Protein backbone atom coordinates (compact mmCIF):
# COMPACT_ATOMS: atom_id res chain seq x y z
CA UNK A 1 -29.42 32.26 11.52
CA UNK A 2 -28.23 30.22 14.48
CA UNK A 3 -26.89 26.77 13.72
CA UNK A 4 -28.42 23.97 15.72
CA UNK A 5 -25.84 22.04 17.78
CA UNK A 6 -27.72 18.82 17.11
CA UNK A 7 -27.22 18.86 13.31
CA UNK A 8 -26.17 15.44 12.01
CA UNK A 9 -24.14 14.34 9.09
CA UNK A 10 -25.29 10.94 7.92
CA UNK A 11 -23.13 8.72 5.70
CA UNK A 12 -24.93 5.96 3.86
CA UNK A 13 -23.93 2.93 1.85
CA UNK A 14 -20.55 1.31 2.06
CA UNK A 15 -18.95 4.45 3.49
CA UNK A 16 -21.25 4.34 6.53
CA UNK A 17 -19.03 1.73 8.16
CA UNK A 18 -15.92 3.95 7.92
CA UNK A 19 -13.48 4.96 5.24
CA UNK A 20 -10.12 6.63 4.83
CA UNK A 21 -7.54 7.87 2.40
CA UNK A 22 -4.32 6.17 1.36
CA UNK A 23 -1.44 8.37 0.29
CA UNK A 24 -0.14 7.68 -3.19
CA UNK A 25 3.41 7.53 -1.75
CA UNK A 26 2.44 4.32 0.11
CA UNK A 27 1.06 2.67 -2.96
CA UNK A 28 4.07 3.65 -5.10
CA UNK A 29 6.71 2.62 -2.57
CA UNK A 30 8.16 -0.61 -4.04
CA UNK A 31 10.02 -1.42 -0.79
CA UNK A 32 6.81 -2.53 0.80
CA UNK A 33 4.76 -5.54 -0.27
CA UNK A 34 1.21 -5.69 -1.53
CA UNK A 35 0.26 -7.25 1.82
CA UNK A 36 1.83 -4.30 3.69
CA UNK A 37 -0.14 -1.95 1.47
CA UNK A 38 -3.32 -3.88 2.26
CA UNK A 39 -2.63 -3.59 5.98
CA UNK A 40 -1.99 0.15 5.62
CA UNK A 41 -5.32 0.46 3.77
CA UNK A 42 -7.08 -1.35 6.54
CA UNK A 43 -5.61 1.05 9.12
CA UNK A 44 -6.46 4.08 6.91
CA UNK A 45 -10.06 2.95 6.66
CA UNK A 46 -10.42 3.77 10.38
CA UNK A 47 -8.60 7.12 10.20
CA UNK A 48 -11.67 9.11 9.15
CA UNK A 49 -13.27 8.33 12.46
CA UNK A 50 -10.74 10.37 14.45
CA UNK A 51 -9.42 8.94 17.70
CA UNK A 52 -11.61 5.96 18.13
CA UNK A 53 -11.67 2.33 19.15
CA UNK A 54 -9.61 0.16 16.87
CA UNK A 55 -9.99 -3.57 16.22
CA UNK A 56 -7.62 -6.08 17.75
CA UNK A 57 -4.81 -7.60 15.78
CA UNK A 58 -6.70 -10.88 15.71
CA UNK A 59 -9.72 -9.13 14.16
CA UNK A 60 -7.49 -7.41 11.58
CA UNK A 61 -5.84 -10.76 10.70
CA UNK A 62 -9.25 -12.39 10.41
CA UNK A 63 -10.62 -9.61 8.15
CA UNK A 64 -7.54 -9.67 5.92
CA UNK A 65 -7.28 -13.50 5.85
CA UNK A 66 -3.76 -13.41 7.21
CA UNK A 67 -2.06 -15.62 9.75
CA UNK A 68 0.11 -14.31 12.55
CA UNK A 69 3.53 -14.69 10.82
CA UNK A 70 2.27 -13.21 7.54
CA UNK A 71 0.64 -10.21 9.25
CA UNK A 72 3.65 -9.30 11.39
CA UNK A 73 6.13 -9.80 8.58
CA UNK A 74 4.35 -7.25 6.38
CA UNK A 75 3.28 -4.93 9.24
CA UNK A 76 6.96 -4.65 10.17
CA UNK A 77 7.70 -3.15 6.73
CA UNK A 78 5.28 -0.31 7.50
CA UNK A 79 6.88 0.44 10.84
CA UNK A 80 10.43 -0.03 9.54
CA UNK A 81 9.84 2.53 6.74
CA UNK A 82 8.07 4.99 9.00
CA UNK A 83 4.51 4.74 7.67
CA UNK A 84 3.10 3.56 10.95
CA UNK A 85 4.32 4.13 14.49
CA UNK A 86 3.14 1.97 17.42
CA UNK A 87 3.08 3.38 20.92
CA UNK A 88 2.20 1.22 23.88
CA UNK A 89 -0.16 2.91 26.31
CA UNK A 90 0.04 2.08 29.99
CA UNK A 91 -2.38 2.41 32.82
CA UNK A 92 -1.13 2.15 36.40
CA UNK A 93 2.28 1.10 35.02
CA UNK A 94 0.91 -1.88 33.06
CA UNK A 95 0.42 -2.31 29.34
CA UNK A 96 -3.06 -1.29 28.39
CA UNK A 97 -3.31 -0.99 24.61
CA UNK A 98 -1.47 0.04 21.46
CA UNK A 99 -1.82 3.43 19.84
CA UNK A 100 -1.27 3.28 16.07
CA UNK A 101 -0.10 6.45 14.37
CA UNK A 102 -0.40 6.88 10.62
CA UNK A 103 2.54 9.25 10.01
CA UNK A 104 2.21 12.24 7.74
CA UNK A 105 5.98 12.59 7.65
CA UNK A 106 8.18 9.61 6.79
CA UNK A 107 10.92 8.98 9.34
CA UNK A 108 12.80 6.44 7.19
CA UNK A 109 16.25 7.76 6.27
CA UNK A 110 16.11 6.12 2.84
CA UNK A 111 13.81 7.70 0.30
CA UNK A 112 11.01 5.48 -1.07
CA UNK A 113 11.92 3.62 -4.27
CA UNK A 114 9.47 5.32 -6.60
CA UNK A 115 11.42 5.62 -9.86
CA UNK A 116 11.18 2.59 -12.04
CA UNK A 117 10.42 1.88 -15.65
CA UNK A 118 7.14 0.18 -16.20
CA UNK A 119 7.56 -2.63 -18.72
CA UNK A 120 4.19 -4.25 -18.55
CA UNK A 121 4.16 -7.84 -17.40
CA UNK A 122 7.50 -8.34 -15.71
CA UNK A 123 7.08 -12.13 -15.84
CA UNK A 124 6.96 -12.28 -19.65
CA UNK A 125 10.13 -12.73 -21.64
CA UNK A 126 9.87 -11.52 -25.25
CA UNK A 127 12.50 -13.82 -26.69
CA UNK A 128 10.73 -13.95 -30.09
CA UNK A 129 11.44 -10.27 -30.79
CA UNK A 130 15.14 -10.68 -31.74
CA UNK A 131 15.98 -7.99 -34.28
CA UNK A 132 18.68 -10.25 -35.79
CA UNK A 133 16.12 -12.73 -37.08
CA UNK A 134 16.68 -14.23 -40.51
CA UNK A 135 13.63 -12.39 -41.92
CA UNK A 136 15.16 -9.01 -41.26
CA UNK A 137 18.67 -10.04 -42.34
CA UNK A 138 17.32 -11.66 -45.54
CA UNK A 139 15.70 -8.35 -46.48
CA UNK A 140 19.08 -6.65 -46.34
CA UNK A 141 17.92 -4.08 -43.79
CA UNK A 142 20.74 -2.89 -41.61
CA UNK A 143 20.13 -1.34 -38.22
CA UNK A 144 16.38 -1.99 -38.32
CA UNK A 145 14.43 -2.10 -35.11
CA UNK A 146 11.32 -4.11 -34.43
CA UNK A 147 8.73 -3.15 -31.88
CA UNK A 148 7.88 -6.03 -29.53
CA UNK A 149 4.38 -6.41 -30.90
CA UNK A 150 5.26 -6.21 -34.60
CA UNK A 151 4.83 -9.22 -36.91
C-alpha cells in the first residue's frame, strides 16, 4: 500500500501550541536557579518544532514575567554551564538574528552538582529534637536517639 504524501499528524489540546522535553540533568543541577530552569523549559517547549521561528527576548520576558536584568542574569547561567549556546547569524555582514542551540553534550568543565542529601524543608530548624533533653536523661536511658518527629 502506497503512503500518501499528504498525510497529516494533528496535535490537539495544550500540546497543539508546541511542547518539548527537559532533560532531568537540567532540573537536578543545583548550580542553576529555578528561574534558569524556567527559561530552559521555555526554550525546550519550542524544540519539538524543529528549526523554526523563535520568539524575541522581549516576548520571552513578557511570557515569563521577567524583567531584563532578571532574565539575562539567569539566562547567563544556562550559557555559562553549557546548556544553551547562542550563535549570532549575519546577513551581508550585519547581525541578523540569534540561533539558540540546546546542547545535548555539556561543555562546562565542572560536573553538575547533583549529589546532595535531601532533608525536607531546608528552612526549618528542628531545635526541639535535642536528644539530651531532661525527659530522656530522667529516664536513665544512655545513648538513646530520638527521631525528629517523635514525641
